[in-house]
Amino acid sequence: MNIEQKLKEYKLKLEDFNSDQMYEIRLGLENNVDVNIYAHPKFYWQQMRQIRKGLEKELDVSIYANPKFDSFQMAQIRFGLEAGLDVSVYANPKFDWDQMNQIRKGLEKEKQEDYEPNI
């Protein structure tokens, strides 16, 4: 089944998706990711984008593919996954995106210090 045929399946549910959400679904199909992970009306298009970007980088998005996180929180979790961090430390909706950002930066600094050679 080609991309256009797959998109038709989602267009049948058009009353559930707006044009921005459909655009994210299209991009996911074009980039060969499993859009079923985020093709739900419960996600705003910005959340869909963060999940799609993680899938495109072959990250385990299950930790943030949840509507309880807004797109800014999702981005911070994705950045941490991309950096190879233990995001479970801050992947909690009780933290806003800025708090997550600060925690992530601290973890990145700690990781960098762990890899610096002792001279």
PDB file of N, CA and C in Angstrom:
ATOM      1  N   MET A   1       0.857  -1.171   0.000  1.00  0.00           N
ATOM      2  CA  MET A   1       0.000   0.000   0.000  1.00  0.00           C
ATOM      3  C   MET A   1       0.909   1.242   0.000  1.00  0.00           C
ATOM      4  N   ASN A   2       0.639   2.176  -0.891  1.00  0.00           N
ATOM      5  CA  ASN A   2       1.472   3.373  -0.962  1.00  0.00           C
ATOM      6  C   ASN A   2       0.992   4.438   0.034  1.00  0.00           C
ATOM      7  N   ILE A   3       1.743   5.527   0.098  1.00  0.00           N
ATOM      8  CA  ILE A   3       1.456   6.593   1.069  1.00  0.00           C
ATOM      9  C   ILE A   3       0.069   7.181   0.859  1.00  0.00           C
ATOM     10  N   GLU A   4      -0.292   7.422  -0.384  1.00  0.00           N
ATOM     11  CA  GLU A   4      -1.607   8.016  -0.658  1.00  0.00           C
ATOM     12  C   GLU A   4      -2.741   7.106  -0.196  1.00  0.00           C
ATOM     13  N   GLN A   5      -2.585   5.805  -0.401  1.00  0.00           N
ATOM     14  CA  GLN A   5      -3.610   4.870   0.057  1.00  0.00           C
ATOM     15  C   GLN A   5      -3.695   4.850   1.580  1.00  0.00           C
ATOM     16  N   LYS A   6      -2.524   4.894   2.229  1.00  0.00           N
ATOM     17  CA  LYS A   6      -2.518   4.920   3.690  1.00  0.00           C
ATOM     18  C   LYS A   6      -3.145   6.207   4.212  1.00  0.00           C
ATOM     19  N   LEU A   7      -2.851   7.313   3.534  1.00  0.00           N
ATOM     20  CA  LEU A   7      -3.444   8.594   3.954  1.00  0.00           C
ATOM     21  C   LEU A   7      -4.955   8.578   3.827  1.00  0.00           C
ATOM     22  N   LYS A   8      -5.465   7.889   2.814  1.00  0.00           N
ATOM     23  CA  LYS A   8      -6.918   7.800   2.633  1.00  0.00           C
ATOM     24  C   LYS A   8      -7.580   7.179   3.855  1.00  0.00           C
ATOM     25  N   GLU A   9      -6.888   6.208   4.459  1.00  0.00           N
ATOM     26  CA  GLU A   9      -7.436   5.581   5.666  1.00  0.00           C
ATOM     27  C   GLU A   9      -7.640   6.625   6.765  1.00  0.00           C
ATOM     28  N   TYR A  10      -6.665   7.530   6.905  1.00  0.00           N
ATOM     29  CA  TYR A  10      -6.767   8.563   7.935  1.00  0.00           C
ATOM     30  C   TYR A  10      -7.729   9.664   7.517  1.00  0.00           C
ATOM     31  N   LYS A  11      -7.825   9.919   6.227  1.00  0.00           N
ATOM     32  CA  LYS A  11      -8.752  10.947   5.755  1.00  0.00           C
ATOM     33  C   LYS A  11     -10.196  10.531   5.996  1.00  0.00           C
ATOM     34  N   LEU A  12     -10.433   9.236   6.050  1.00  0.00           N
ATOM     35  CA  LEU A  12     -11.774   8.756   6.386  1.00  0.00           C
ATOM     36  C   LEU A  12     -12.155   9.188   7.799  1.00  0.00           C
ATOM     37  N   LYS A  13     -11.121   9.408   8.608  1.00  0.00           N
ATOM     38  CA  LYS A  13     -11.331   9.861   9.980  1.00  0.00           C
ATOM     39  C   LYS A  13     -11.109  11.367  10.074  1.00  0.00           C
ATOM     40  N   LEU A  14     -11.212  12.062   8.966  1.00  0.00           N
ATOM     41  CA  LEU A  14     -10.884  13.483   8.894  1.00  0.00           C
ATOM     42  C   LEU A  14     -11.602  14.311   9.946  1.00  0.00           C
ATOM     43  N   GLU A  15     -12.793  13.901  10.318  1.00  0.00           N
ATOM     44  CA  GLU A  15     -13.493  14.658  11.349  1.00  0.00           C
ATOM     45  C   GLU A  15     -12.740  14.590  12.677  1.00  0.00           C
ATOM     46  N   ASP A  16     -11.860  13.597  12.810  1.00  0.00           N
ATOM     47  CA  ASP A  16     -11.068  13.456  14.026  1.00  0.00           C
ATOM     48  C   ASP A  16      -9.746  14.225  13.959  1.00  0.00           C
ATOM     49  N   PHE A  17      -9.234  14.470  12.750  1.00  0.00           N
ATOM     50  CA  PHE A  17      -7.928  15.101  12.582  1.00  0.00           C
ATOM     51  C   PHE A  17      -8.049  16.423  11.849  1.00  0.00           C
ATOM     52  N   ASN A  18      -7.288  17.423  12.302  1.00  0.00           N
ATOM     53  CA  ASN A  18      -7.249  18.680  11.552  1.00  0.00           C
ATOM     54  C   ASN A  18      -6.130  18.614  10.512  1.00  0.00           C
ATOM     55  N   SER A  19      -5.979  19.644   9.716  1.00  0.00           N
ATOM     56  CA  SER A  19      -5.004  19.608   8.620  1.00  0.00           C
ATOM     57  C   SER A  19      -3.568  19.515   9.141  1.00  0.00           C
ATOM     58  N   ASP A  20      -3.271  20.132  10.269  1.00  0.00           N
ATOM     59  CA  ASP A  20      -1.918  20.047  10.824  1.00  0.00           C
ATOM     60  C   ASP A  20      -1.606  18.625  11.297  1.00  0.00           C
ATOM     61  N   GLN A  21      -2.579  17.974  11.903  1.00  0.00           N
ATOM     62  CA  GLN A  21      -2.389  16.588  12.332  1.00  0.00           C
ATOM     63  C   GLN A  21      -2.200  15.684  11.110  1.00  0.00           C
ATOM     64  N   MET A  22      -2.993  15.921  10.071  1.00  0.00           N
ATOM     65  CA  MET A  22      -2.855  15.127   8.844  1.00  0.00           C
ATOM     66  C   MET A  22      -1.472  15.332   8.227  1.00  0.00           C
ATOM     67  N   TYR A  23      -0.950  16.536   8.309  1.00  0.00           N
ATOM     68  CA  TYR A  23       0.380  16.816   7.778  1.00  0.00           C
ATOM     69  C   TYR A  23       1.439  15.979   8.517  1.00  0.00           C
ATOM     70  N   GLU A  24       1.332  15.892   9.835  1.00  0.00           N
ATOM     71  CA  GLU A  24       2.277  15.092  10.617  1.00  0.00           C
ATOM     72  C   GLU A  24       2.144  13.607  10.287  1.00  0.00           C
ATOM     73  N   ILE A  25       0.936  13.157  10.050  1.00  0.00           N
ATOM     74  CA  ILE A  25       0.725  11.763   9.655  1.00  0.00           C
ATOM     75  C   ILE A  25       1.383  11.524   8.294  1.00  0.00           C
ATOM     76  N   ARG A  26       1.190  12.451   7.363  1.00  0.00           N
ATOM     77  CA  ARG A  26       1.804  12.325   6.035  1.00  0.00           C
ATOM     78  C   ARG A  26       3.326  12.260   6.140  1.00  0.00           C
ATOM     79  N   LEU A  27       3.915  13.165   6.927  1.00  0.00           N
ATOM     80  CA  LEU A  27       5.369  13.162   7.076  1.00  0.00           C
ATOM     81  C   LEU A  27       5.870  11.841   7.655  1.00  0.00           C
ATOM     82  N   GLY A  28       5.147  11.314   8.612  1.00  0.00           N
ATOM     83  CA  GLY A  28       5.534  10.030   9.188  1.00  0.00           C
ATOM     84  C   GLY A  28       5.477   8.909   8.175  1.00  0.00           C
ATOM     85  N   LEU A  29       4.421   8.884   7.370  1.00  0.00           N
ATOM     86  CA  LEU A  29       4.305   7.862   6.337  1.00  0.00           C
ATOM     87  C   LEU A  29       5.426   7.998   5.306  1.00  0.00           C
ATOM     88  N   GLU A  30       5.725   9.227   4.924  1.00  0.00           N
ATOM     89  CA  GLU A  30       6.789   9.465   3.950  1.00  0.00           C
ATOM     90  C   GLU A  30       8.155   9.049   4.495  1.00  0.00           C
ATOM     91  N   ASN A  31       8.322   9.130   5.812  1.00  0.00           N
ATOM     92  CA  ASN A  31       9.599   8.782   6.434  1.00  0.00           C
ATOM     93  C   ASN A  31       9.608   7.376   7.033  1.00  0.00           C
ATOM     94  N   ASN A  32       8.593   6.591   6.677  1.00  0.00           N
ATOM     95  CA  ASN A  32       8.520   5.179   7.061  1.00  0.00           C
ATOM     96  C   ASN A  32       8.563   4.926   8.561  1.00  0.00           C
ATOM     97  N   VAL A  33       7.827   5.746   9.323  1.00  0.00           N
ATOM     98  CA  VAL A  33       7.712   5.475  10.751  1.00  0.00           C
ATOM     99  C   VAL A  33       6.307   4.945  11.046  1.00  0.00           C
ATOM    100  N   ASP A  34       6.167   4.311  12.175  1.00  0.00           N
ATOM    101  CA  ASP A  34       4.881   3.745  12.572  1.00  0.00           C
ATOM    102  C   ASP A  34       3.975   4.862  13.085  1.00  0.00           C
ATOM    103  N   VAL A  35       3.194   5.440  12.192  1.00  0.00           N
ATOM    104  CA  VAL A  35       2.333   6.563  12.566  1.00  0.00           C
ATOM    105  C   VAL A  35       1.221   6.153  13.519  1.00  0.00           C
ATOM    106  N   ASN A  36       0.959   4.859  13.627  1.00  0.00           N
ATOM    107  CA  ASN A  36      -0.077   4.404  14.552  1.00  0.00           C
ATOM    108  C   ASN A  36       0.250   4.771  15.995  1.00  0.00           C
ATOM    109  N   ILE A  37       1.518   5.038  16.267  1.00  0.00           N
ATOM    110  CA  ILE A  37       1.928   5.422  17.618  1.00  0.00           C
ATOM    111  C   ILE A  37       1.383   6.800  17.981  1.00  0.00           C
ATOM    112  N   TYR A  38       1.266   7.690  16.987  1.00  0.00           N
ATOM    113  CA  TYR A  38       0.814   9.045  17.298  1.00  0.00           C
ATOM    114  C   TYR A  38      -0.412   9.517  16.523  1.00  0.00           C
ATOM    115  N   ALA A  39      -0.929   8.733  15.621  1.00  0.00           N
ATOM    116  CA  ALA A  39      -2.086   9.147  14.825  1.00  0.00           C
ATOM    117  C   ALA A  39      -3.377   8.948  15.620  1.00  0.00           C
ATOM    118  N   HIS A  40      -3.511   9.762  16.650  1.00  0.00           N
ATOM    119  CA  HIS A  40      -4.691   9.745  17.512  1.00  0.00           C
ATOM    120  C   HIS A  40      -5.139  11.185  17.735  1.00  0.00           C
ATOM    121  N   PRO A  41      -6.422  11.436  17.682  1.00  0.00           N
ATOM    122  CA  PRO A  41      -6.923  12.798  17.912  1.00  0.00           C
ATOM    123  C   PRO A  41      -6.563  13.361  19.284  1.00  0.00           C
ATOM    124  N   LYS A  42      -6.187  12.488  20.223  1.00  0.00           N
ATOM    125  CA  LYS A  42      -5.827  12.955  21.565  1.00  0.00           C
ATOM    126  C   LYS A  42      -4.532  13.764  21.567  1.00  0.00           C
ATOM    127  N   PHE A  43      -3.727  13.632  20.503  1.00  0.00           N
ATOM    128  CA  PHE A  43      -2.477  14.390  20.393  1.00  0.00           C
ATOM    129  C   PHE A  43      -2.694  15.626  19.534  1.00  0.00           C
ATOM    130  N   TYR A  44      -2.214  16.772  20.020  1.00  0.00           N
ATOM    131  CA  TYR A  44      -2.156  17.965  19.183  1.00  0.00           C
ATOM    132  C   TYR A  44      -1.065  17.740  18.139  1.00  0.00           C
ATOM    133  N   TRP A  45      -1.109  18.488  17.055  1.00  0.00           N
ATOM    134  CA  TRP A  45      -0.128  18.285  15.996  1.00  0.00           C
ATOM    135  C   TRP A  45       1.295  18.509  16.495  1.00  0.00           C
ATOM    136  N   GLN A  46       1.498  19.420  17.452  1.00  0.00           N
ATOM    137  CA  GLN A  46       2.837  19.687  17.971  1.00  0.00           C
ATOM    138  C   GLN A  46       3.374  18.461  18.734  1.00  0.00           C
ATOM    139  N   GLN A  47       2.479  17.774  19.438  1.00  0.00           N
ATOM    140  CA  GLN A  47       2.874  16.539  20.125  1.00  0.00           C
ATOM    141  C   GLN A  47       3.196  15.461  19.102  1.00  0.00           C
ATOM    142  N   MET A  48       2.362  15.377  18.069  1.00  0.00           N
ATOM    143  CA  MET A  48       2.613  14.414  16.995  1.00  0.00           C
ATOM    144  C   MET A  48       3.990  14.639  16.387  1.00  0.00           C
ATOM    145  N   ARG A  49       4.355  15.901  16.193  1.00  0.00           N
ATOM    146  CA  ARG A  49       5.652  16.234  15.599  1.00  0.00           C
ATOM    147  C   ARG A  49       6.798  15.720  16.469  1.00  0.00           C
ATOM    148  N   GLN A  50       6.700  15.903  17.780  1.00  0.00           N
ATOM    149  CA  GLN A  50       7.770  15.442  18.671  1.00  0.00           C
ATOM    150  C   GLN A  50       7.886  13.918  18.651  1.00  0.00           C
ATOM    151  N   ILE A  51       6.763  13.248  18.619  1.00  0.00           N
ATOM    152  CA  ILE A  51       6.786  11.784  18.564  1.00  0.00           C
ATOM    153  C   ILE A  51       7.370  11.335  17.224  1.00  0.00           C
ATOM    154  N   ARG A  52       6.938  11.959  16.145  1.00  0.00           N
ATOM    155  CA  ARG A  52       7.454  11.610  14.814  1.00  0.00           C
ATOM    156  C   ARG A  52       8.961  11.812  14.749  1.00  0.00           C
ATOM    157  N   LYS A  53       9.441  12.935  15.240  1.00  0.00           N
ATOM    158  CA  LYS A  53      10.883  13.206  15.207  1.00  0.00           C
ATOM    159  C   LYS A  53      11.661  12.142  15.985  1.00  0.00           C
ATOM    160  N   GLY A  54      11.131  11.714  17.108  1.00  0.00           N
ATOM    161  CA  GLY A  54      11.787  10.654  17.871  1.00  0.00           C
ATOM    162  C   GLY A  54      11.795   9.341  17.111  1.00  0.00           C
ATOM    163  N   LEU A  55      10.674   9.016  16.487  1.00  0.00           N
ATOM    164  CA  LEU A  55      10.600   7.782  15.700  1.00  0.00           C
ATOM    165  C   LEU A  55      11.576   7.812  14.529  1.00  0.00           C
ATOM    166  N   GLU A  56      11.704   8.967  13.903  1.00  0.00           N
ATOM    167  CA  GLU A  56      12.620   9.089  12.771  1.00  0.00           C
ATOM    168  C   GLU A  56      14.069   8.861  13.200  1.00  0.00           C
ATOM    169  N   LYS A  57      14.377   9.138  14.469  1.00  0.00           N
ATOM    170  CA  LYS A  57      15.724   8.910  14.991  1.00  0.00           C
ATOM    171  C   LYS A  57      15.834   7.555  15.687  1.00  0.00           C
ATOM    172  N   GLU A  58      14.771   6.743  15.528  1.00  0.00           N
ATOM    173  CA  GLU A  58      14.718   5.391  16.082  1.00  0.00           C
ATOM    174  C   GLU A  58      14.855   5.378  17.597  1.00  0.00           C
ATOM    175  N   LEU A  59      14.256   6.370  18.246  1.00  0.00           N
ATOM    176  CA  LEU A  59      14.248   6.432  19.700  1.00  0.00           C
ATOM    177  C   LEU A  59      13.042   5.664  20.239  1.00  0.00           C
ATOM    178  N   ASP A  60      13.142   5.233  21.487  1.00  0.00           N
ATOM    179  CA  ASP A  60      12.001   4.613  22.160  1.00  0.00           C
ATOM    180  C   ASP A  60      11.115   5.736  22.685  1.00  0.00           C
ATOM    181  N   VAL A  61      10.112   6.089  21.909  1.00  0.00           N
ATOM    182  CA  VAL A  61       9.256   7.226  22.249  1.00  0.00           C
ATOM    183  C   VAL A  61       8.175   6.869  23.265  1.00  0.00           C
ATOM    184  N   SER A  62       8.119   5.622  23.667  1.00  0.00           N
ATOM    185  CA  SER A  62       7.052   5.190  24.576  1.00  0.00           C
ATOM    186  C   SER A  62       7.056   5.966  25.888  1.00  0.00           C
ATOM    187  N   ILE A  63       8.202   6.460  26.292  1.00  0.00           N
ATOM    188  CA  ILE A  63       8.286   7.203  27.558  1.00  0.00           C
ATOM    189  C   ILE A  63       7.599   8.565  27.468  1.00  0.00           C
ATOM    190  N   TYR A  64       7.470   9.127  26.259  1.00  0.00           N
ATOM    191  CA  TYR A  64       6.820  10.433  26.151  1.00  0.00           C
ATOM    192  C   TYR A  64       5.635  10.482  25.195  1.00  0.00           C
ATOM    193  N   ALA A  65       5.312   9.393  24.542  1.00  0.00           N
ATOM    194  CA  ALA A  65       4.150   9.369  23.645  1.00  0.00           C
ATOM    195  C   ALA A  65       2.880   9.239  24.476  1.00  0.00           C
ATOM    196  N   ASN A  66       2.625  10.279  25.230  1.00  0.00           N
ATOM    197  CA  ASN A  66       1.505  10.292  26.156  1.00  0.00           C
ATOM    198  C   ASN A  66       0.951  11.723  26.187  1.00  0.00           C
ATOM    199  N   PRO A  67      -0.355  11.878  25.999  1.00  0.00           N
ATOM    200  CA  PRO A  67      -0.924  13.230  25.956  1.00  0.00           C
ATOM    201  C   PRO A  67      -0.787  14.018  27.263  1.00  0.00           C
ATOM    202  N   LYS A  68      -0.341  13.383  28.339  1.00  0.00           N
ATOM    203  CA  LYS A  68      -0.142  14.121  29.585  1.00  0.00           C
ATOM    204  C   LYS A  68       1.057  15.060  29.487  1.00  0.00           C
ATOM    205  N   PHE A  69       1.935  14.832  28.500  1.00  0.00           N
ATOM    206  CA  PHE A  69       3.058  15.731  28.252  1.00  0.00           C
ATOM    207  C   PHE A  69       2.686  16.690  27.130  1.00  0.00           C
ATOM    208  N   ASP A  70       2.992  17.982  27.316  1.00  0.00           N
ATOM    209  CA  ASP A  70       2.783  18.897  26.195  1.00  0.00           C
ATOM    210  C   ASP A  70       3.976  18.776  25.241  1.00  0.00           C
ATOM    211  N   SER A  71       3.914  19.435  24.115  1.00  0.00           N
ATOM    212  CA  SER A  71       4.955  19.272  23.105  1.00  0.00           C
ATOM    213  C   SER A  71       6.313  19.776  23.583  1.00  0.00           C
ATOM    214  N   PHE A  72       6.335  20.791  24.441  1.00  0.00           N
ATOM    215  CA  PHE A  72       7.605  21.314  24.953  1.00  0.00           C
ATOM    216  C   PHE A  72       8.259  20.307  25.904  1.00  0.00           C
ATOM    217  N   GLN A  73       7.437  19.657  26.724  1.00  0.00           N
ATOM    218  CA  GLN A  73       7.955  18.610  27.611  1.00  0.00           C
ATOM    219  C   GLN A  73       8.456  17.433  26.779  1.00  0.00           C
ATOM    220  N   MET A  74       7.674  17.066  25.758  1.00  0.00           N
ATOM    221  CA  MET A  74       8.084  15.971  24.875  1.00  0.00           C
ATOM    222  C   MET A  74       9.432  16.267  24.227  1.00  0.00           C
ATOM    223  N   ALA A  75       9.627  17.500  23.806  1.00  0.00           N
ATOM    224  CA  ALA A  75      10.895  17.879  23.168  1.00  0.00           C
ATOM    225  C   ALA A  75      12.055  17.696  24.144  1.00  0.00           C
ATOM    226  N   GLN A  76      11.884  18.090  25.388  1.00  0.00           N
ATOM    227  CA  GLN A  76      12.954  17.942  26.369  1.00  0.00           C
ATOM    228  C   GLN A  76      13.289  16.476  26.614  1.00  0.00           C
ATOM    229  N   ILE A  77      12.279  15.646  26.648  1.00  0.00           N
ATOM    230  CA  ILE A  77      12.512  14.206  26.827  1.00  0.00           C
ATOM    231  C   ILE A  77      13.217  13.655  25.593  1.00  0.00           C
ATOM    232  N   ARG A  78      12.775  14.074  24.411  1.00  0.00           N
ATOM    233  CA  ARG A  78      13.416  13.622  23.166  1.00  0.00           C
ATOM    234  C   ARG A  78      14.879  14.042  23.124  1.00  0.00           C
ATOM    235  N   PHE A  79      15.171  15.287  23.494  1.00  0.00           N
ATOM    236  CA  PHE A  79      16.560  15.759  23.507  1.00  0.00           C
ATOM    237  C   PHE A  79      17.414  14.887  24.425  1.00  0.00           C
ATOM    238  N   GLY A  80      16.849  14.522  25.570  1.00  0.00           N
ATOM    239  CA  GLY A  80      17.579  13.661  26.506  1.00  0.00           C
ATOM    240  C   GLY A  80      17.829  12.286  25.926  1.00  0.00           C
ATOM    241  N   LEU A  81      16.823  11.716  25.279  1.00  0.00           N
ATOM    242  CA  LEU A  81      17.003  10.414  24.643  1.00  0.00           C
ATOM    243  C   LEU A  81      18.075  10.480  23.566  1.00  0.00           C
ATOM    244  N   GLU A  82      18.059  11.553  22.790  1.00  0.00           N
ATOM    245  CA  GLU A  82      19.067  11.723  21.740  1.00  0.00           C
ATOM    246  C   GLU A  82      20.471  11.801  22.330  1.00  0.00           C
ATOM    247  N   ALA A  83      20.582  12.350  23.526  1.00  0.00           N
ATOM    248  CA  ALA A  83      21.882  12.497  24.190  1.00  0.00           C
ATOM    249  C   ALA A  83      22.273  11.245  24.973  1.00  0.00           C
ATOM    250  N   GLY A  84      21.399  10.232  24.980  1.00  0.00           N
ATOM    251  CA  GLY A  84      21.699   8.996  25.695  1.00  0.00           C
ATOM    252  C   GLY A  84      21.563   9.109  27.200  1.00  0.00           C
ATOM    253  N   LEU A  85      20.709  10.015  27.646  1.00  0.00           N
ATOM    254  CA  LEU A  85      20.516  10.231  29.084  1.00  0.00           C
ATOM    255  C   LEU A  85      19.425   9.330  29.646  1.00  0.00           C
ATOM    256  N   ASP A  86      19.458   9.152  30.959  1.00  0.00           N
ATOM    257  CA  ASP A  86      18.380   8.451  31.656  1.00  0.00           C
ATOM    258  C   ASP A  86      17.265   9.469  31.896  1.00  0.00           C
ATOM    259  N   VAL A  87      16.348   9.554  30.951  1.00  0.00           N
ATOM    260  CA  VAL A  87      15.297  10.568  31.012  1.00  0.00           C
ATOM    261  C   VAL A  87      14.236  10.265  32.062  1.00  0.00           C
ATOM    262  N   SER A  88      14.265   9.065  32.619  1.00  0.00           N
ATOM    263  CA  SER A  88      13.281   8.732  33.650  1.00  0.00           C
ATOM    264  C   SER A  88      13.417   9.655  34.860  1.00  0.00           C
ATOM    265  N   VAL A  89      14.573  10.299  35.004  1.00  0.00           N
ATOM    266  CA  VAL A  89      14.818  11.231  36.096  1.00  0.00           C
ATOM    267  C   VAL A  89      13.863  12.420  36.017  1.00  0.00           C
ATOM    268  N   TYR A  90      13.530  12.853  34.797  1.00  0.00           N
ATOM    269  CA  TYR A  90      12.684  14.039  34.650  1.00  0.00           C
ATOM    270  C   TYR A  90      11.446  13.843  33.776  1.00  0.00           C
ATOM    271  N   ALA A  91      11.235  12.661  33.249  1.00  0.00           N
ATOM    272  CA  ALA A  91      10.058  12.409  32.410  1.00  0.00           C
ATOM    273  C   ALA A  91       8.829  12.232  33.289  1.00  0.00           C
ATOM    274  N   ASN A  92       8.417  13.338  33.852  1.00  0.00           N
ATOM    275  CA  ASN A  92       7.280  13.342  34.758  1.00  0.00           C
ATOM    276  C   ASN A  92       6.494  14.628  34.490  1.00  0.00           C
ATOM    277  N   PRO A  93       5.189  14.517  34.242  1.00  0.00           N
ATOM    278  CA  PRO A  93       4.414  15.710  33.915  1.00  0.00           C
ATOM    279  C   PRO A  93       4.362  16.765  35.028  1.00  0.00           C
ATOM    280  N   LYS A  94       4.818  16.409  36.233  1.00  0.00           N
ATOM    281  CA  LYS A  94       4.840  17.410  37.308  1.00  0.00           C
ATOM    282  C   LYS A  94       5.893  18.476  37.050  1.00  0.00           C
ATOM    283  N   PHE A  95       6.888  18.167  36.185  1.00  0.00           N
ATOM    284  CA  PHE A  95       7.897  19.143  35.808  1.00  0.00           C
ATOM    285  C   PHE A  95       7.437  19.872  34.549  1.00  0.00           C
ATOM    286  N   ASP A  96       7.544  21.195  34.554  1.00  0.00           N
ATOM    287  CA  ASP A  96       7.251  21.908  33.307  1.00  0.00           C
ATOM    288  C   ASP A  96       8.469  21.790  32.393  1.00  0.00           C
ATOM    289  N   TRP A  97       8.335  22.257  31.165  1.00  0.00           N
ATOM    290  CA  TRP A  97       9.406  22.056  30.186  1.00  0.00           C
ATOM    291  C   TRP A  97      10.705  22.730  30.611  1.00  0.00           C
ATOM    292  N   ASP A  98      10.622  23.878  31.283  1.00  0.00           N
ATOM    293  CA  ASP A  98      11.832  24.587  31.689  1.00  0.00           C
ATOM    294  C   ASP A  98      12.563  23.825  32.793  1.00  0.00           C
ATOM    295  N   GLN A  99      11.808  23.254  33.722  1.00  0.00           N
ATOM    296  CA  GLN A  99      12.427  22.434  34.765  1.00  0.00           C
ATOM    297  C   GLN A  99      13.086  21.207  34.134  1.00  0.00           C
ATOM    298  N   MET A 100      12.391  20.600  33.176  1.00  0.00           N
ATOM    299  CA  MET A 100      12.960  19.450  32.472  1.00  0.00           C
ATOM    300  C   MET A 100      14.251  19.850  31.759  1.00  0.00           C
ATOM    301  N   ASN A 101      14.241  21.011  31.152  1.00  0.00           N
ATOM    302  CA  ASN A 101      15.418  21.512  30.444  1.00  0.00           C
ATOM    303  C   ASN A 101      16.609  21.653  31.402  1.00  0.00           C
ATOM    304  N   GLN A 102      16.355  22.212  32.564  1.00  0.00           N
ATOM    305  CA  GLN A 102      17.427  22.394  33.539  1.00  0.00           C
ATOM    306  C   GLN A 102      17.969  21.058  34.041  1.00  0.00           C
ATOM    307  N   ILE A 103      17.077  20.129  34.312  1.00  0.00           N
ATOM    308  CA  ILE A 103      17.501  18.798  34.759  1.00  0.00           C
ATOM    309  C   ILE A 103      18.312  18.125  33.655  1.00  0.00           C
ATOM    310  N   ARG A 104      17.820  18.205  32.416  1.00  0.00           N
ATOM    311  CA  ARG A 104      18.513  17.594  31.277  1.00  0.00           C
ATOM    312  C   ARG A 104      19.913  18.174  31.119  1.00  0.00           C
ATOM    313  N   LYS A 105      20.031  19.488  31.206  1.00  0.00           N
ATOM    314  CA  LYS A 105      21.347  20.123  31.076  1.00  0.00           C
ATOM    315  C   LYS A 105      22.288  19.661  32.187  1.00  0.00           C
ATOM    316  N   GLY A 106      21.759  19.506  33.388  1.00  0.00           N
ATOM    317  CA  GLY A 106      22.573  18.995  34.493  1.00  0.00           C
ATOM    318  C   GLY A 106      23.043  17.574  34.224  1.00  0.00           C
ATOM    319  N   LEU A 107      22.160  16.742  33.702  1.00  0.00           N
ATOM    320  CA  LEU A 107      22.533  15.365  33.380  1.00  0.00           C
ATOM    321  C   LEU A 107      23.576  15.329  32.258  1.00  0.00           C
ATOM    322  N   GLU A 108      23.412  16.206  31.279  1.00  0.00           N
ATOM    323  CA  GLU A 108      24.388  16.264  30.190  1.00  0.00           C
ATOM    324  C   GLU A 108      25.760  16.680  30.710  1.00  0.00           C
ATOM    325  N   LYS A 109      25.782  17.658  31.613  1.00  0.00           N
ATOM    326  CA  LYS A 109      27.048  18.117  32.185  1.00  0.00           C
ATOM    327  C   LYS A 109      27.690  17.003  32.998  1.00  0.00           C
ATOM    328  N   GLU A 110      26.880  16.315  33.775  1.00  0.00           N
ATOM    329  CA  GLU A 110      27.383  15.198  34.580  1.00  0.00           C
ATOM    330  C   GLU A 110      27.956  14.105  33.687  1.00  0.00           C
ATOM    331  N   LYS A 111      27.276  13.813  32.604  1.00  0.00           N
ATOM    332  CA  LYS A 111      27.739  12.793  31.663  1.00  0.00           C
ATOM    333  C   LYS A 111      29.054  13.219  31.020  1.00  0.00           C
ATOM    334  N   GLN A 112      29.142  14.472  30.656  1.00  0.00           N
ATOM    335  CA  GLN A 112      30.360  14.997  30.038  1.00  0.00           C
ATOM    336  C   GLN A 112      31.532  14.903  31.016  1.00  0.00           C
ATOM    337  N   GLU A 113      31.294  15.235  32.278  1.00  0.00           N
ATOM    338  CA  GLU A 113      32.350  15.169  33.285  1.00  0.00           C
ATOM    339  C   GLU A 113      32.811  13.740  33.512  1.00  0.00           C
ATOM    340  N   ASP A 114      31.881  12.786  33.385  1.00  0.00           N
ATOM    341  CA  ASP A 114      32.229  11.376  33.548  1.00  0.00           C
ATOM    342  C   ASP A 114      33.176  10.901  32.457  1.00  0.00           C
ATOM    343  N   TYR A 115      33.117  11.529  31.269  1.00  0.00           N
ATOM    344  CA  TYR A 115      33.920  11.086  30.142  1.00  0.00           C
ATOM    345  C   TYR A 115      35.205  11.886  29.948  1.00  0.00           C
ATOM    346  N   GLU A 116      35.392  12.934  30.739  1.00  0.00           N
ATOM    347  CA  GLU A 116      36.612  13.718  30.597  1.00  0.00           C
ATOM    348  C   GLU A 116      37.783  12.932  31.205  1.00  0.00           C
ATOM    349  N   PRO A 117      38.868  12.841  30.466  1.00  0.00           N
ATOM    350  CA  PRO A 117      40.020  12.103  31.003  1.00  0.00           C
ATOM    351  C   PRO A 117      40.670  12.862  32.149  1.00  0.00           C
ATOM    352  N   ASN A 118      41.160  12.121  33.120  1.00  0.00           N
ATOM    353  CA  ASN A 118      41.901  12.733  34.247  1.00  0.00           C
ATOM    354  C   ASN A 118      43.334  12.945  33.810  1.00  0.00           C
ATOM    355  N   ILE A 119      43.762  14.161  33.902  1.00  0.00           N
ATOM    356  CA  ILE A 119      45.140  14.462  33.470  1.00  0.00           C
ATOM    357  C   ILE A 119      45.964  14.821  34.687  1.00  0.00           C
TER     358      ILE A 119
END
